[in-house]
Amino acid sequence: MLTVLKILAALIVFIAVAELARQHPKWGGLISALPWITLLVIVTRYQVEQATVSELSRYLWATFWFILPTLLFVGLMAALLDRGFAFYASLGLSILIAAIANGMVAYWLT
Protein backbone atom coordinates (compact mmCIF):
# COMPACT_ATOMS: atom_id res chain seq x y z
CA MET A 1 0.00 0.00 0.00
CA LEU A 2 2.85 2.39 0.85
CA THR A 3 4.39 1.81 -2.57
CA VAL A 4 1.11 2.74 -4.26
CA LEU A 5 0.95 5.96 -2.21
CA LYS A 6 4.51 6.83 -3.22
CA ILE A 7 3.70 6.27 -6.88
CA LEU A 8 0.54 8.38 -6.64
CA ALA A 9 2.39 11.21 -4.89
CA ALA A 10 5.11 11.22 -7.57
CA LEU A 11 2.48 11.09 -10.32
CA ILE A 12 0.59 14.05 -8.84
CA VAL A 13 3.78 16.12 -8.68
CA PHE A 14 4.66 15.16 -12.27
CA ILE A 15 1.22 16.08 -13.63
CA ALA A 16 1.12 19.35 -11.69
CA VAL A 17 4.57 20.39 -12.93
CA ALA A 18 3.83 19.41 -16.54
CA GLU A 19 0.59 21.39 -16.57
CA LEU A 20 2.07 24.40 -14.81
CA ALA A 21 5.16 24.42 -17.07
CA ARG A 22 2.96 24.50 -20.15
CA GLN A 23 1.21 27.67 -19.04
CA HIS A 24 3.89 29.32 -16.88
CA PRO A 25 7.43 28.02 -17.60
CA LYS A 26 9.00 30.01 -14.74
CA TRP A 27 6.66 28.59 -12.11
CA GLY A 28 6.85 25.11 -13.62
CA GLY A 29 10.64 25.34 -13.33
CA LEU A 30 10.38 26.42 -9.72
CA ILE A 31 8.08 23.58 -8.76
CA SER A 32 10.13 20.98 -10.64
CA ALA A 33 13.32 22.21 -8.97
CA LEU A 34 11.89 21.73 -5.48
CA PRO A 35 12.98 18.51 -3.78
CA TRP A 36 9.54 16.85 -3.68
CA ILE A 37 10.77 13.29 -4.14
CA THR A 38 13.66 13.81 -1.71
CA LEU A 39 11.22 15.07 0.92
CA LEU A 40 8.95 12.07 0.39
CA VAL A 41 11.89 9.70 0.65
CA ILE A 42 13.39 11.13 3.83
CA VAL A 43 10.05 11.38 5.63
CA THR A 44 9.06 7.86 4.57
CA ARG A 45 12.44 6.41 5.48
CA TYR A 46 12.42 8.13 8.87
CA GLN A 47 8.77 7.65 9.85
CA VAL A 48 7.89 4.32 8.25
CA GLU A 49 11.17 2.48 7.74
CA GLN A 50 12.77 3.80 10.95
CA ALA A 51 15.97 4.83 9.18
CA THR A 52 18.66 6.25 11.42
CA VAL A 53 19.82 9.84 11.19
CA SER A 54 23.15 8.53 9.91
CA GLU A 55 21.43 6.64 7.08
CA LEU A 56 19.43 9.72 6.14
CA SER A 57 22.55 11.86 6.21
CA ARG A 58 24.38 9.48 3.84
CA TYR A 59 21.38 9.53 1.49
CA LEU A 60 21.17 13.34 1.56
CA TRP A 61 24.90 13.78 0.88
CA ALA A 62 24.67 11.39 -2.08
CA THR A 63 21.64 13.32 -3.33
CA PHE A 64 23.57 16.58 -2.98
CA TRP A 65 26.48 15.34 -5.09
CA PHE A 66 24.22 13.80 -7.76
CA ILE A 67 22.37 17.11 -8.15
CA LEU A 68 25.48 18.56 -9.81
CA PRO A 69 25.26 16.31 -12.92
CA THR A 70 21.54 17.07 -13.04
CA LEU A 71 22.31 20.79 -13.12
CA LEU A 72 24.81 20.10 -15.89
CA PHE A 73 22.11 18.25 -17.87
CA VAL A 74 19.55 21.04 -17.48
CA GLY A 75 21.96 23.87 -18.28
CA LEU A 76 23.56 22.09 -21.22
CA MET A 77 20.24 21.15 -22.82
CA ALA A 78 18.90 24.69 -22.42
CA ALA A 79 22.09 26.12 -23.95
CA LEU A 80 22.01 23.70 -26.89
CA LEU A 81 18.35 24.44 -27.61
CA ASP A 82 19.05 28.19 -27.42
CA ARG A 83 21.82 27.73 -29.98
CA GLY A 84 19.49 26.02 -32.45
CA PHE A 85 20.36 22.37 -31.88
CA ALA A 86 17.55 19.94 -32.64
CA PHE A 87 15.57 18.68 -29.66
CA TYR A 88 16.68 15.05 -29.82
CA ALA A 89 20.29 15.95 -30.53
CA SER A 90 20.26 18.27 -27.52
CA LEU A 91 18.57 15.62 -25.39
CA GLY A 92 20.96 12.88 -26.43
CA LEU A 93 24.10 14.94 -25.93
CA SER A 94 22.86 16.25 -22.58
CA ILE A 95 22.01 12.73 -21.40
CA LEU A 96 25.42 11.46 -22.51
CA ILE A 97 27.33 14.23 -20.72
CA ALA A 98 25.16 13.89 -17.59
CA ALA A 99 25.64 10.11 -17.60
CA ILE A 100 29.41 10.54 -17.75
CA ALA A 101 29.25 13.11 -14.94
CA ASN A 102 27.02 10.80 -12.87
CA GLY A 103 29.48 7.98 -13.40
CA MET A 104 32.31 10.23 -12.20
CA VAL A 105 30.32 11.21 -9.09
CA ALA A 106 29.44 7.57 -8.39
CA TYR A 107 33.10 6.60 -8.72
CA TRP A 108 34.16 9.48 -6.48
CA LEU A 109 31.59 8.55 -3.80
CA THR A 110 32.80 4.94 -3.53
C-alpha atoms as a PDB file:
ATOM      1  CA  MET A   1       0.000   0.000   0.000  1.00  0.00           C
ATOM      2  CA  LEU A   2       2.846   2.386   0.851  1.00  0.00           C
ATOM      3  CA  THR A   3       4.393   1.813  -2.568  1.00  0.00           C
ATOM      4  CA  VAL A   4       1.114   2.738  -4.259  1.00  0.00           C
ATOM      5  CA  LEU A   5       0.947   5.959  -2.212  1.00  0.00           C
ATOM      6  CA  LYS A   6       4.514   6.827  -3.217  1.00  0.00           C
ATOM      7  CA  ILE A   7       3.700   6.269  -6.879  1.00  0.00           C
ATOM      8  CA  LEU A   8       0.537   8.376  -6.637  1.00  0.00           C
ATOM      9  CA  ALA A   9       2.385  11.208  -4.894  1.00  0.00           C
ATOM     10  CA  ALA A  10       5.108  11.220  -7.573  1.00  0.00           C
ATOM     11  CA  LEU A  11       2.478  11.093 -10.318  1.00  0.00           C
ATOM     12  CA  ILE A  12       0.586  14.046  -8.835  1.00  0.00           C
ATOM     13  CA  VAL A  13       3.776  16.120  -8.682  1.00  0.00           C
ATOM     14  CA  PHE A  14       4.657  15.160 -12.274  1.00  0.00           C
ATOM     15  CA  ILE A  15       1.224  16.081 -13.629  1.00  0.00           C
ATOM     16  CA  ALA A  16       1.121  19.352 -11.694  1.00  0.00           C
ATOM     17  CA  VAL A  17       4.573  20.387 -12.929  1.00  0.00           C
ATOM     18  CA  ALA A  18       3.833  19.414 -16.542  1.00  0.00           C
ATOM     19  CA  GLU A  19       0.587  21.392 -16.574  1.00  0.00           C
ATOM     20  CA  LEU A  20       2.071  24.397 -14.814  1.00  0.00           C
ATOM     21  CA  ALA A  21       5.164  24.424 -17.065  1.00  0.00           C
ATOM     22  CA  ARG A  22       2.963  24.496 -20.154  1.00  0.00           C
ATOM     23  CA  GLN A  23       1.213  27.669 -19.036  1.00  0.00           C
ATOM     24  CA  HIS A  24       3.887  29.316 -16.883  1.00  0.00           C
ATOM     25  CA  PRO A  25       7.431  28.025 -17.602  1.00  0.00           C
ATOM     26  CA  LYS A  26       9.005  30.006 -14.743  1.00  0.00           C
ATOM     27  CA  TRP A  27       6.658  28.585 -12.106  1.00  0.00           C
ATOM     28  CA  GLY A  28       6.852  25.108 -13.619  1.00  0.00           C
ATOM     29  CA  GLY A  29      10.638  25.342 -13.332  1.00  0.00           C
ATOM     30  CA  LEU A  30      10.384  26.419  -9.716  1.00  0.00           C
ATOM     31  CA  ILE A  31       8.076  23.577  -8.757  1.00  0.00           C
ATOM     32  CA  SER A  32      10.129  20.982 -10.637  1.00  0.00           C
ATOM     33  CA  ALA A  33      13.319  22.213  -8.967  1.00  0.00           C
ATOM     34  CA  LEU A  34      11.889  21.729  -5.481  1.00  0.00           C
ATOM     35  CA  PRO A  35      12.983  18.512  -3.778  1.00  0.00           C
ATOM     36  CA  TRP A  36       9.540  16.847  -3.677  1.00  0.00           C
ATOM     37  CA  ILE A  37      10.771  13.294  -4.138  1.00  0.00           C
ATOM     38  CA  THR A  38      13.658  13.810  -1.712  1.00  0.00           C
ATOM     39  CA  LEU A  39      11.217  15.069   0.918  1.00  0.00           C
ATOM     40  CA  LEU A  40       8.947  12.071   0.394  1.00  0.00           C
ATOM     41  CA  VAL A  41      11.894   9.697   0.650  1.00  0.00           C
ATOM     42  CA  ILE A  42      13.392  11.130   3.828  1.00  0.00           C
ATOM     43  CA  VAL A  43      10.049  11.385   5.634  1.00  0.00           C
ATOM     44  CA  THR A  44       9.057   7.863   4.567  1.00  0.00           C
ATOM     45  CA  ARG A  45      12.441   6.406   5.476  1.00  0.00           C
ATOM     46  CA  TYR A  46      12.422   8.130   8.866  1.00  0.00           C
ATOM     47  CA  GLN A  47       8.773   7.648   9.852  1.00  0.00           C
ATOM     48  CA  VAL A  48       7.894   4.323   8.252  1.00  0.00           C
ATOM     49  CA  GLU A  49      11.170   2.483   7.741  1.00  0.00           C
ATOM     50  CA  GLN A  50      12.767   3.802  10.951  1.00  0.00           C
ATOM     51  CA  ALA A  51      15.969   4.832   9.177  1.00  0.00           C
ATOM     52  CA  THR A  52      18.658   6.249  11.416  1.00  0.00           C
ATOM     53  CA  VAL A  53      19.821   9.839  11.195  1.00  0.00           C
ATOM     54  CA  SER A  54      23.148   8.533   9.906  1.00  0.00           C
ATOM     55  CA  GLU A  55      21.426   6.636   7.077  1.00  0.00           C
ATOM     56  CA  LEU A  56      19.429   9.719   6.143  1.00  0.00           C
ATOM     57  CA  SER A  57      22.549  11.863   6.208  1.00  0.00           C
ATOM     58  CA  ARG A  58      24.376   9.480   3.839  1.00  0.00           C
ATOM     59  CA  TYR A  59      21.376   9.525   1.485  1.00  0.00           C
ATOM     60  CA  LEU A  60      21.174  13.335   1.563  1.00  0.00           C
ATOM     61  CA  TRP A  61      24.897  13.778   0.883  1.00  0.00           C
ATOM     62  CA  ALA A  62      24.670  11.388  -2.078  1.00  0.00           C
ATOM     63  CA  THR A  63      21.644  13.315  -3.332  1.00  0.00           C
ATOM     64  CA  PHE A  64      23.566  16.581  -2.982  1.00  0.00           C
ATOM     65  CA  TRP A  65      26.478  15.344  -5.090  1.00  0.00           C
ATOM     66  CA  PHE A  66      24.222  13.804  -7.757  1.00  0.00           C
ATOM     67  CA  ILE A  67      22.365  17.108  -8.155  1.00  0.00           C
ATOM     68  CA  LEU A  68      25.476  18.559  -9.811  1.00  0.00           C
ATOM     69  CA  PRO A  69      25.256  16.314 -12.919  1.00  0.00           C
ATOM     70  CA  THR A  70      21.538  17.072 -13.043  1.00  0.00           C
ATOM     71  CA  LEU A  71      22.308  20.791 -13.122  1.00  0.00           C
ATOM     72  CA  LEU A  72      24.811  20.100 -15.889  1.00  0.00           C
ATOM     73  CA  PHE A  73      22.115  18.255 -17.872  1.00  0.00           C
ATOM     74  CA  VAL A  74      19.546  21.040 -17.480  1.00  0.00           C
ATOM     75  CA  GLY A  75      21.960  23.867 -18.279  1.00  0.00           C
ATOM     76  CA  LEU A  76      23.557  22.088 -21.224  1.00  0.00           C
ATOM     77  CA  MET A  77      20.244  21.153 -22.818  1.00  0.00           C
ATOM     78  CA  ALA A  78      18.902  24.689 -22.417  1.00  0.00           C
ATOM     79  CA  ALA A  79      22.095  26.117 -23.948  1.00  0.00           C
ATOM     80  CA  LEU A  80      22.008  23.698 -26.887  1.00  0.00           C
ATOM     81  CA  LEU A  81      18.345  24.440 -27.611  1.00  0.00           C
ATOM     82  CA  ASP A  82      19.045  28.192 -27.420  1.00  0.00           C
ATOM     83  CA  ARG A  83      21.818  27.733 -29.982  1.00  0.00           C
ATOM     84  CA  GLY A  84      19.491  26.019 -32.449  1.00  0.00           C
ATOM     85  CA  PHE A  85      20.358  22.369 -31.879  1.00  0.00           C
ATOM     86  CA  ALA A  86      17.551  19.937 -32.642  1.00  0.00           C
ATOM     87  CA  PHE A  87      15.569  18.682 -29.663  1.00  0.00           C
ATOM     88  CA  TYR A  88      16.683  15.046 -29.820  1.00  0.00           C
ATOM     89  CA  ALA A  89      20.291  15.947 -30.535  1.00  0.00           C
ATOM     90  CA  SER A  90      20.256  18.265 -27.520  1.00  0.00           C
ATOM     91  CA  LEU A  91      18.571  15.625 -25.390  1.00  0.00           C
ATOM     92  CA  GLY A  92      20.964  12.877 -26.430  1.00  0.00           C
ATOM     93  CA  LEU A  93      24.103  14.937 -25.929  1.00  0.00           C
ATOM     94  CA  SER A  94      22.862  16.249 -22.583  1.00  0.00           C
ATOM     95  CA  ILE A  95      22.014  12.728 -21.401  1.00  0.00           C
ATOM     96  CA  LEU A  96      25.425  11.456 -22.510  1.00  0.00           C
ATOM     97  CA  ILE A  97      27.334  14.229 -20.716  1.00  0.00           C
ATOM     98  CA  ALA A  98      25.163  13.893 -17.585  1.00  0.00           C
ATOM     99  CA  ALA A  99      25.636  10.109 -17.605  1.00  0.00           C
ATOM    100  CA  ILE A 100      29.413  10.536 -17.745  1.00  0.00           C
ATOM    101  CA  ALA A 101      29.254  13.107 -14.937  1.00  0.00           C
ATOM    102  CA  ASN A 102      27.018  10.798 -12.873  1.00  0.00           C
ATOM    103  CA  GLY A 103      29.483   7.982 -13.396  1.00  0.00           C
ATOM    104  CA  MET A 104      32.305  10.226 -12.203  1.00  0.00           C
ATOM    105  CA  VAL A 105      30.323  11.214  -9.092  1.00  0.00           C
ATOM    106  CA  ALA A 106      29.442   7.574  -8.392  1.00  0.00           C
ATOM    107  CA  TYR A 107      33.102   6.597  -8.723  1.00  0.00           C
ATOM    108  CA  TRP A 108      34.158   9.476  -6.484  1.00  0.00           C
ATOM    109  CA  LEU A 109      31.592   8.549  -3.801  1.00  0.00           C
ATOM    110  CA  THR A 110      32.800   4.936  -3.527  1.00  0.00           C
END
